Amino acid sequence: MKPYHSATDNISEVLNKIIEFTEIRQQIISRNISCLSDPDYKPADLDADEFSQLMDDAIEEHIINNRLLLRDTPRVKFGENGTFMVKAVPDHHADRLRRKNPSEYLSLQKDKMHENSLNQKVAAELLSRKHSLESAARRYP
């Protein structure tokens, strides 16, 4: 059985995890780009599909039971007090592409960076709107 961690502010917690995930992924993609000419470097990435599925499962649990359960996997660990760790995985496709066609490799990394940036912006905007609505509700009950 996989460990689960409960959170109190469900939607904020999910959005914060998405923002944190995208920040970590941005660092990894940036490193992939900056190490293009290092022959010993092996590109990596985070498993965005796995993380997305974990967030989907957590939201589904929230909808059904009004609680958020964050499930650990071998590459994603949720700790106490909102801590969060994620393990990068080798990106074999990017590695082959880097050796074969550096220009296409850079395009791939830029596309990943763009997608990641959009995900981060959407989560940040949703979190900002949620906080604004909560603030307004406290001022005008």
N, C-alpha and C. Protein backbone atom coordinates (compact mmCIF):
# COMPACT_ATOMS: atom_id res chain seq x y z
N MET A 1 0.84 -1.18 0.00
CA MET A 1 0.00 0.00 0.00
C MET A 1 0.88 1.25 0.00
N LYS A 2 0.52 2.23 -0.80
CA LYS A 2 1.32 3.44 -0.93
C LYS A 2 0.94 4.44 0.15
N PRO A 3 1.93 5.17 0.66
CA PRO A 3 1.63 6.17 1.69
C PRO A 3 0.78 7.30 1.11
N TYR A 4 -0.11 7.81 1.96
CA TYR A 4 -0.94 8.94 1.60
C TYR A 4 -0.72 10.04 2.62
N HIS A 5 -0.83 11.27 2.17
CA HIS A 5 -0.71 12.42 3.07
C HIS A 5 -1.93 13.29 2.87
N SER A 6 -2.58 13.63 3.96
CA SER A 6 -3.78 14.46 3.92
C SER A 6 -3.41 15.94 4.00
N ALA A 7 -4.17 16.76 3.33
CA ALA A 7 -3.93 18.21 3.35
C ALA A 7 -5.23 18.90 3.75
N THR A 8 -5.10 20.10 4.34
CA THR A 8 -6.28 20.79 4.83
C THR A 8 -6.90 21.72 3.79
N ASP A 9 -6.12 22.56 3.12
CA ASP A 9 -6.64 23.47 2.12
C ASP A 9 -6.44 22.82 0.75
N ASN A 10 -7.41 22.04 0.34
CA ASN A 10 -7.27 21.15 -0.81
C ASN A 10 -6.83 21.82 -2.10
N ILE A 11 -7.56 22.82 -2.54
CA ILE A 11 -7.26 23.41 -3.85
C ILE A 11 -5.94 24.17 -3.81
N SER A 12 -5.72 24.94 -2.75
CA SER A 12 -4.43 25.66 -2.64
C SER A 12 -3.27 24.68 -2.63
N GLU A 13 -3.44 23.58 -1.95
CA GLU A 13 -2.37 22.58 -1.86
C GLU A 13 -2.04 22.01 -3.24
N VAL A 14 -3.05 21.67 -4.02
CA VAL A 14 -2.82 21.15 -5.37
C VAL A 14 -2.11 22.20 -6.23
N LEU A 15 -2.59 23.42 -6.19
CA LEU A 15 -1.99 24.48 -7.01
C LEU A 15 -0.55 24.77 -6.58
N ASN A 16 -0.30 24.78 -5.28
CA ASN A 16 1.07 24.97 -4.81
C ASN A 16 1.99 23.84 -5.26
N LYS A 17 1.50 22.61 -5.25
CA LYS A 17 2.30 21.47 -5.70
C LYS A 17 2.60 21.60 -7.20
N ILE A 18 1.63 22.03 -7.98
CA ILE A 18 1.85 22.22 -9.42
C ILE A 18 2.91 23.30 -9.65
N ILE A 19 2.81 24.40 -8.92
CA ILE A 19 3.80 25.47 -9.06
C ILE A 19 5.19 24.98 -8.68
N GLU A 20 5.27 24.26 -7.57
CA GLU A 20 6.58 23.75 -7.13
C GLU A 20 7.14 22.75 -8.14
N PHE A 21 6.30 21.87 -8.65
CA PHE A 21 6.72 20.89 -9.64
C PHE A 21 7.29 21.60 -10.88
N THR A 22 6.57 22.62 -11.35
CA THR A 22 7.01 23.33 -12.56
C THR A 22 8.30 24.11 -12.31
N GLU A 23 8.50 24.60 -11.10
CA GLU A 23 9.75 25.30 -10.78
C GLU A 23 10.94 24.33 -10.83
N ILE A 24 10.76 23.16 -10.27
CA ILE A 24 11.82 22.14 -10.30
C ILE A 24 12.08 21.71 -11.74
N ARG A 25 11.01 21.48 -12.49
CA ARG A 25 11.16 21.06 -13.88
C ARG A 25 11.87 22.12 -14.71
N GLN A 26 11.58 23.39 -14.45
CA GLN A 26 12.23 24.48 -15.18
C GLN A 26 13.75 24.44 -14.95
N GLN A 27 14.17 24.17 -13.74
CA GLN A 27 15.60 24.07 -13.44
C GLN A 27 16.25 22.92 -14.22
N ILE A 28 15.55 21.80 -14.29
CA ILE A 28 16.09 20.63 -15.00
C ILE A 28 16.19 20.92 -16.50
N ILE A 29 15.16 21.51 -17.07
CA ILE A 29 15.18 21.82 -18.50
C ILE A 29 16.27 22.86 -18.79
N SER A 30 16.41 23.83 -17.93
CA SER A 30 17.48 24.84 -18.10
C SER A 30 18.85 24.18 -18.09
N ARG A 31 19.03 23.22 -17.19
CA ARG A 31 20.30 22.49 -17.14
C ARG A 31 20.50 21.68 -18.42
N ASN A 32 19.44 21.08 -18.95
CA ASN A 32 19.54 20.35 -20.21
C ASN A 32 20.04 21.26 -21.33
N ILE A 33 19.56 22.48 -21.35
CA ILE A 33 19.96 23.44 -22.39
C ILE A 33 21.39 23.89 -22.18
N SER A 34 21.74 24.24 -20.95
CA SER A 34 23.08 24.77 -20.70
C SER A 34 24.18 23.72 -20.85
N CYS A 35 23.84 22.45 -20.75
CA CYS A 35 24.84 21.39 -20.86
C CYS A 35 24.86 20.74 -22.24
N LEU A 36 24.28 21.41 -23.22
CA LEU A 36 24.20 20.87 -24.58
C LEU A 36 25.55 20.39 -25.09
N SER A 37 26.60 21.15 -24.88
CA SER A 37 27.90 20.81 -25.46
C SER A 37 28.75 19.89 -24.58
N ASP A 38 28.26 19.52 -23.42
CA ASP A 38 28.99 18.60 -22.54
C ASP A 38 28.74 17.16 -23.01
N PRO A 39 29.76 16.50 -23.57
CA PRO A 39 29.54 15.16 -24.12
C PRO A 39 29.16 14.11 -23.07
N ASP A 40 29.46 14.36 -21.81
CA ASP A 40 29.15 13.40 -20.76
C ASP A 40 27.79 13.64 -20.09
N TYR A 41 27.15 14.75 -20.44
CA TYR A 41 25.88 15.09 -19.80
C TYR A 41 24.76 14.21 -20.33
N LYS A 42 23.90 13.78 -19.44
CA LYS A 42 22.72 12.99 -19.80
C LYS A 42 21.48 13.80 -19.46
N PRO A 43 20.69 14.21 -20.46
CA PRO A 43 19.48 14.99 -20.19
C PRO A 43 18.50 14.23 -19.29
N ALA A 44 17.76 15.00 -18.52
CA ALA A 44 16.77 14.42 -17.61
C ALA A 44 15.48 15.22 -17.73
N ASP A 45 14.46 14.73 -17.08
CA ASP A 45 13.19 15.43 -17.01
C ASP A 45 12.42 14.87 -15.83
N LEU A 46 11.34 15.52 -15.49
CA LEU A 46 10.42 14.98 -14.50
C LEU A 46 9.31 14.28 -15.24
N ASP A 47 8.75 13.27 -14.61
CA ASP A 47 7.65 12.53 -15.23
C ASP A 47 6.36 13.32 -15.03
N ALA A 48 6.10 14.23 -15.97
CA ALA A 48 4.93 15.10 -15.87
C ALA A 48 3.63 14.31 -15.93
N ASP A 49 3.60 13.23 -16.70
CA ASP A 49 2.37 12.42 -16.78
C ASP A 49 2.07 11.77 -15.44
N GLU A 50 3.09 11.24 -14.79
CA GLU A 50 2.90 10.62 -13.48
C GLU A 50 2.40 11.66 -12.46
N PHE A 51 3.03 12.82 -12.45
CA PHE A 51 2.62 13.87 -11.52
C PHE A 51 1.19 14.32 -11.80
N SER A 52 0.87 14.49 -13.06
CA SER A 52 -0.47 14.89 -13.45
C SER A 52 -1.51 13.87 -12.96
N GLN A 53 -1.19 12.59 -13.10
CA GLN A 53 -2.11 11.55 -12.64
C GLN A 53 -2.30 11.61 -11.13
N LEU A 54 -1.21 11.88 -10.40
CA LEU A 54 -1.31 12.01 -8.94
C LEU A 54 -2.21 13.18 -8.56
N MET A 55 -2.08 14.29 -9.27
CA MET A 55 -2.92 15.45 -8.99
C MET A 55 -4.37 15.16 -9.36
N ASP A 56 -4.59 14.47 -10.48
CA ASP A 56 -5.96 14.08 -10.87
C ASP A 56 -6.60 13.19 -9.81
N ASP A 57 -5.83 12.23 -9.31
CA ASP A 57 -6.34 11.33 -8.26
C ASP A 57 -6.67 12.11 -6.99
N ALA A 58 -5.81 13.06 -6.64
CA ALA A 58 -6.04 13.87 -5.44
C ALA A 58 -7.30 14.72 -5.59
N ILE A 59 -7.50 15.30 -6.76
CA ILE A 59 -8.69 16.13 -7.01
C ILE A 59 -9.95 15.26 -6.99
N GLU A 60 -9.86 14.08 -7.58
CA GLU A 60 -11.01 13.16 -7.57
C GLU A 60 -11.39 12.80 -6.13
N GLU A 61 -10.39 12.53 -5.31
CA GLU A 61 -10.63 12.22 -3.90
C GLU A 61 -11.29 13.42 -3.21
N HIS A 62 -10.83 14.61 -3.56
CA HIS A 62 -11.42 15.84 -2.98
C HIS A 62 -12.89 15.97 -3.38
N ILE A 63 -13.20 15.71 -4.63
CA ILE A 63 -14.58 15.82 -5.11
C ILE A 63 -15.48 14.80 -4.42
N ILE A 64 -14.99 13.59 -4.28
CA ILE A 64 -15.81 12.51 -3.71
C ILE A 64 -15.93 12.62 -2.19
N ASN A 65 -14.80 12.86 -1.51
CA ASN A 65 -14.77 12.80 -0.05
C ASN A 65 -14.41 14.11 0.65
N ASN A 66 -14.29 15.19 -0.12
CA ASN A 66 -13.95 16.50 0.43
C ASN A 66 -12.66 16.48 1.25
N ARG A 67 -11.71 15.72 0.79
CA ARG A 67 -10.38 15.70 1.40
C ARG A 67 -9.37 15.47 0.29
N LEU A 68 -8.15 15.84 0.54
CA LEU A 68 -7.10 15.69 -0.45
C LEU A 68 -6.09 14.68 0.05
N LEU A 69 -5.91 13.62 -0.70
CA LEU A 69 -4.90 12.63 -0.36
C LEU A 69 -3.83 12.65 -1.44
N LEU A 70 -2.62 12.90 -1.02
CA LEU A 70 -1.48 12.94 -1.94
C LEU A 70 -0.72 11.63 -1.82
N ARG A 71 -0.71 10.86 -2.88
CA ARG A 71 -0.13 9.52 -2.88
C ARG A 71 1.32 9.58 -3.36
N ASP A 72 2.20 8.89 -2.64
CA ASP A 72 3.60 8.78 -3.04
C ASP A 72 3.78 7.75 -4.14
N THR A 73 4.78 7.96 -4.96
CA THR A 73 5.24 6.98 -5.94
C THR A 73 6.76 6.88 -5.77
N PRO A 74 7.41 5.99 -6.48
CA PRO A 74 8.88 5.93 -6.35
C PRO A 74 9.59 7.24 -6.72
N ARG A 75 8.98 8.05 -7.59
CA ARG A 75 9.64 9.30 -8.02
C ARG A 75 9.03 10.57 -7.42
N VAL A 76 7.90 10.44 -6.75
CA VAL A 76 7.23 11.61 -6.16
C VAL A 76 6.91 11.27 -4.71
N LYS A 77 7.39 12.13 -3.81
CA LYS A 77 7.17 11.91 -2.37
C LYS A 77 6.59 13.18 -1.74
N PHE A 78 5.49 13.02 -1.04
CA PHE A 78 4.87 14.11 -0.31
C PHE A 78 5.16 13.88 1.17
N GLY A 79 5.67 14.90 1.83
CA GLY A 79 6.00 14.77 3.24
C GLY A 79 5.07 15.57 4.12
N GLU A 80 5.43 15.63 5.37
CA GLU A 80 4.67 16.38 6.36
C GLU A 80 4.84 17.88 6.12
N ASN A 81 3.87 18.64 6.56
CA ASN A 81 3.90 20.11 6.49
C ASN A 81 4.11 20.63 5.08
N GLY A 82 3.57 19.95 4.09
CA GLY A 82 3.64 20.43 2.72
C GLY A 82 4.94 20.18 1.98
N THR A 83 5.86 19.44 2.59
CA THR A 83 7.11 19.17 1.88
C THR A 83 6.82 18.26 0.69
N PHE A 84 7.74 18.33 -0.27
CA PHE A 84 7.49 17.67 -1.54
C PHE A 84 8.84 17.40 -2.20
N MET A 85 9.05 16.20 -2.66
CA MET A 85 10.28 15.85 -3.36
C MET A 85 9.92 15.09 -4.63
N VAL A 86 10.67 15.36 -5.68
CA VAL A 86 10.44 14.68 -6.95
C VAL A 86 11.79 14.30 -7.53
N LYS A 87 11.85 13.13 -8.13
CA LYS A 87 13.11 12.60 -8.66
C LYS A 87 13.08 12.68 -10.19
N ALA A 88 14.13 13.26 -10.75
CA ALA A 88 14.24 13.34 -12.22
C ALA A 88 14.54 11.95 -12.79
N VAL A 89 14.12 11.77 -14.02
CA VAL A 89 14.38 10.52 -14.74
C VAL A 89 15.20 10.83 -15.98
N PRO A 90 16.03 9.89 -16.42
CA PRO A 90 16.79 10.12 -17.66
C PRO A 90 15.84 10.30 -18.83
N ASP A 91 16.18 11.22 -19.72
CA ASP A 91 15.39 11.45 -20.93
C ASP A 91 16.18 10.87 -22.10
N HIS A 92 15.97 9.59 -22.36
CA HIS A 92 16.74 8.88 -23.38
C HIS A 92 16.48 9.43 -24.78
N HIS A 93 15.24 9.78 -25.05
CA HIS A 93 14.92 10.36 -26.36
C HIS A 93 15.70 11.65 -26.58
N ALA A 94 15.70 12.53 -25.59
CA ALA A 94 16.44 13.79 -25.70
C ALA A 94 17.94 13.53 -25.85
N ASP A 95 18.44 12.54 -25.14
CA ASP A 95 19.87 12.23 -25.24
C ASP A 95 20.25 11.80 -26.65
N ARG A 96 19.43 10.93 -27.25
CA ARG A 96 19.70 10.50 -28.63
C ARG A 96 19.62 11.70 -29.57
N LEU A 97 18.62 12.53 -29.39
CA LEU A 97 18.44 13.70 -30.23
C LEU A 97 19.59 14.69 -30.07
N ARG A 98 20.07 14.88 -28.85
CA ARG A 98 21.19 15.80 -28.59
C ARG A 98 22.43 15.38 -29.37
N ARG A 99 22.69 14.08 -29.40
CA ARG A 99 23.87 13.58 -30.10
C ARG A 99 23.69 13.61 -31.62
N LYS A 100 22.46 13.40 -32.08
CA LYS A 100 22.19 13.31 -33.51
C LYS A 100 21.93 14.68 -34.14
N ASN A 101 21.14 15.52 -33.46
CA ASN A 101 20.75 16.80 -34.04
C ASN A 101 20.57 17.84 -32.92
N PRO A 102 21.64 18.52 -32.55
CA PRO A 102 21.56 19.48 -31.44
C PRO A 102 20.50 20.57 -31.63
N SER A 103 20.26 20.96 -32.86
CA SER A 103 19.25 21.99 -33.12
C SER A 103 17.86 21.49 -32.76
N GLU A 104 17.53 20.29 -33.14
CA GLU A 104 16.23 19.70 -32.78
C GLU A 104 16.14 19.46 -31.28
N TYR A 105 17.26 19.09 -30.68
CA TYR A 105 17.30 18.91 -29.23
C TYR A 105 16.94 20.22 -28.53
N LEU A 106 17.53 21.32 -28.97
CA LEU A 106 17.22 22.62 -28.37
C LEU A 106 15.75 22.99 -28.59
N SER A 107 15.21 22.69 -29.75
CA SER A 107 13.79 22.94 -30.00
C SER A 107 12.92 22.15 -29.03
N LEU A 108 13.28 20.90 -28.82
CA LEU A 108 12.53 20.06 -27.88
C LEU A 108 12.57 20.66 -26.48
N GLN A 109 13.75 21.07 -26.04
CA GLN A 109 13.87 21.65 -24.70
C GLN A 109 13.09 22.96 -24.58
N LYS A 110 13.13 23.77 -25.64
CA LYS A 110 12.37 25.03 -25.63
C LYS A 110 10.86 24.75 -25.57
N ASP A 111 10.41 23.74 -26.31
CA ASP A 111 9.00 23.38 -26.27
C ASP A 111 8.59 22.92 -24.87
N LYS A 112 9.45 22.12 -24.25
CA LYS A 112 9.18 21.67 -22.88
C LYS A 112 9.13 22.86 -21.92
N MET A 113 10.06 23.79 -22.11
CA MET A 113 10.11 24.97 -21.25
C MET A 113 8.84 25.80 -21.42
N HIS A 114 8.39 25.95 -22.65
CA HIS A 114 7.19 26.73 -22.92
C HIS A 114 5.96 26.07 -22.29
N GLU A 115 5.80 24.78 -22.50
CA GLU A 115 4.68 24.05 -21.90
C GLU A 115 4.72 24.16 -20.38
N ASN A 116 5.88 23.97 -19.81
CA ASN A 116 6.05 24.03 -18.36
C ASN A 116 5.70 25.42 -17.83
N SER A 117 6.15 26.44 -18.54
CA SER A 117 5.88 27.82 -18.15
C SER A 117 4.37 28.11 -18.18
N LEU A 118 3.70 27.63 -19.19
CA LEU A 118 2.24 27.82 -19.26
C LEU A 118 1.53 27.14 -18.09
N ASN A 119 1.95 25.92 -17.77
CA ASN A 119 1.35 25.21 -16.63
C ASN A 119 1.56 26.00 -15.34
N GLN A 120 2.76 26.54 -15.19
CA GLN A 120 3.07 27.31 -13.99
C GLN A 120 2.22 28.58 -13.92
N LYS A 121 2.09 29.27 -15.03
CA LYS A 121 1.29 30.51 -15.06
C LYS A 121 -0.18 30.24 -14.76
N VAL A 122 -0.72 29.18 -15.31
CA VAL A 122 -2.13 28.84 -15.06
C VAL A 122 -2.34 28.53 -13.58
N ALA A 123 -1.47 27.73 -13.00
CA ALA A 123 -1.61 27.39 -11.58
C ALA A 123 -1.46 28.62 -10.70
N ALA A 124 -0.50 29.48 -11.02
CA ALA A 124 -0.30 30.70 -10.23
C ALA A 124 -1.51 31.63 -10.35
N GLU A 125 -2.07 31.76 -11.53
CA GLU A 125 -3.24 32.62 -11.72
C GLU A 125 -4.45 32.06 -10.97
N LEU A 126 -4.65 30.76 -11.03
CA LEU A 126 -5.77 30.16 -10.30
C LEU A 126 -5.60 30.34 -8.79
N LEU A 127 -4.39 30.19 -8.30
CA LEU A 127 -4.12 30.38 -6.88
C LEU A 127 -4.37 31.83 -6.47
N SER A 128 -3.95 32.75 -7.31
CA SER A 128 -4.17 34.17 -7.04
C SER A 128 -5.66 34.50 -7.00
N ARG A 129 -6.41 33.96 -7.93
CA ARG A 129 -7.86 34.21 -7.95
C ARG A 129 -8.55 33.59 -6.74
N LYS A 130 -8.09 32.42 -6.35
CA LYS A 130 -8.66 31.77 -5.17
C LYS A 130 -8.43 32.64 -3.94
N HIS A 131 -7.22 33.14 -3.77
CA HIS A 131 -6.91 34.01 -2.63
C HIS A 131 -7.72 35.30 -2.67
N SER A 132 -7.91 35.86 -3.85
CA SER A 132 -8.71 37.08 -3.99
C SER A 132 -10.16 36.84 -3.58
N LEU A 133 -10.71 35.71 -4.02
CA LEU A 133 -12.09 35.37 -3.66
C LEU A 133 -12.22 35.14 -2.15
N GLU A 134 -11.24 34.48 -1.56
CA GLU A 134 -11.27 34.25 -0.11
C GLU A 134 -11.19 35.57 0.64
N SER A 135 -10.34 36.47 0.16
CA SER A 135 -10.19 37.79 0.79
C SER A 135 -11.50 38.58 0.72
N ALA A 136 -12.12 38.56 -0.45
CA ALA A 136 -13.38 39.27 -0.63
C ALA A 136 -14.46 38.67 0.27
N ALA A 137 -14.47 37.37 0.40
CA ALA A 137 -15.48 36.69 1.24
C ALA A 137 -15.30 37.07 2.71
N ARG A 138 -14.06 37.24 3.15
CA ARG A 138 -13.81 37.64 4.54
C ARG A 138 -14.22 39.09 4.78
N ARG A 139 -14.02 39.94 3.78
CA ARG A 139 -14.38 41.37 3.93
C ARG A 139 -15.88 41.59 3.85
N TYR A 140 -16.55 40.81 3.03
CA TYR A 140 -17.99 40.98 2.82
C TYR A 140 -18.72 39.67 3.04
N PRO A 141 -18.85 39.28 4.31
CA PRO A 141 -19.47 37.97 4.59
C PRO A 141 -20.93 37.87 4.25
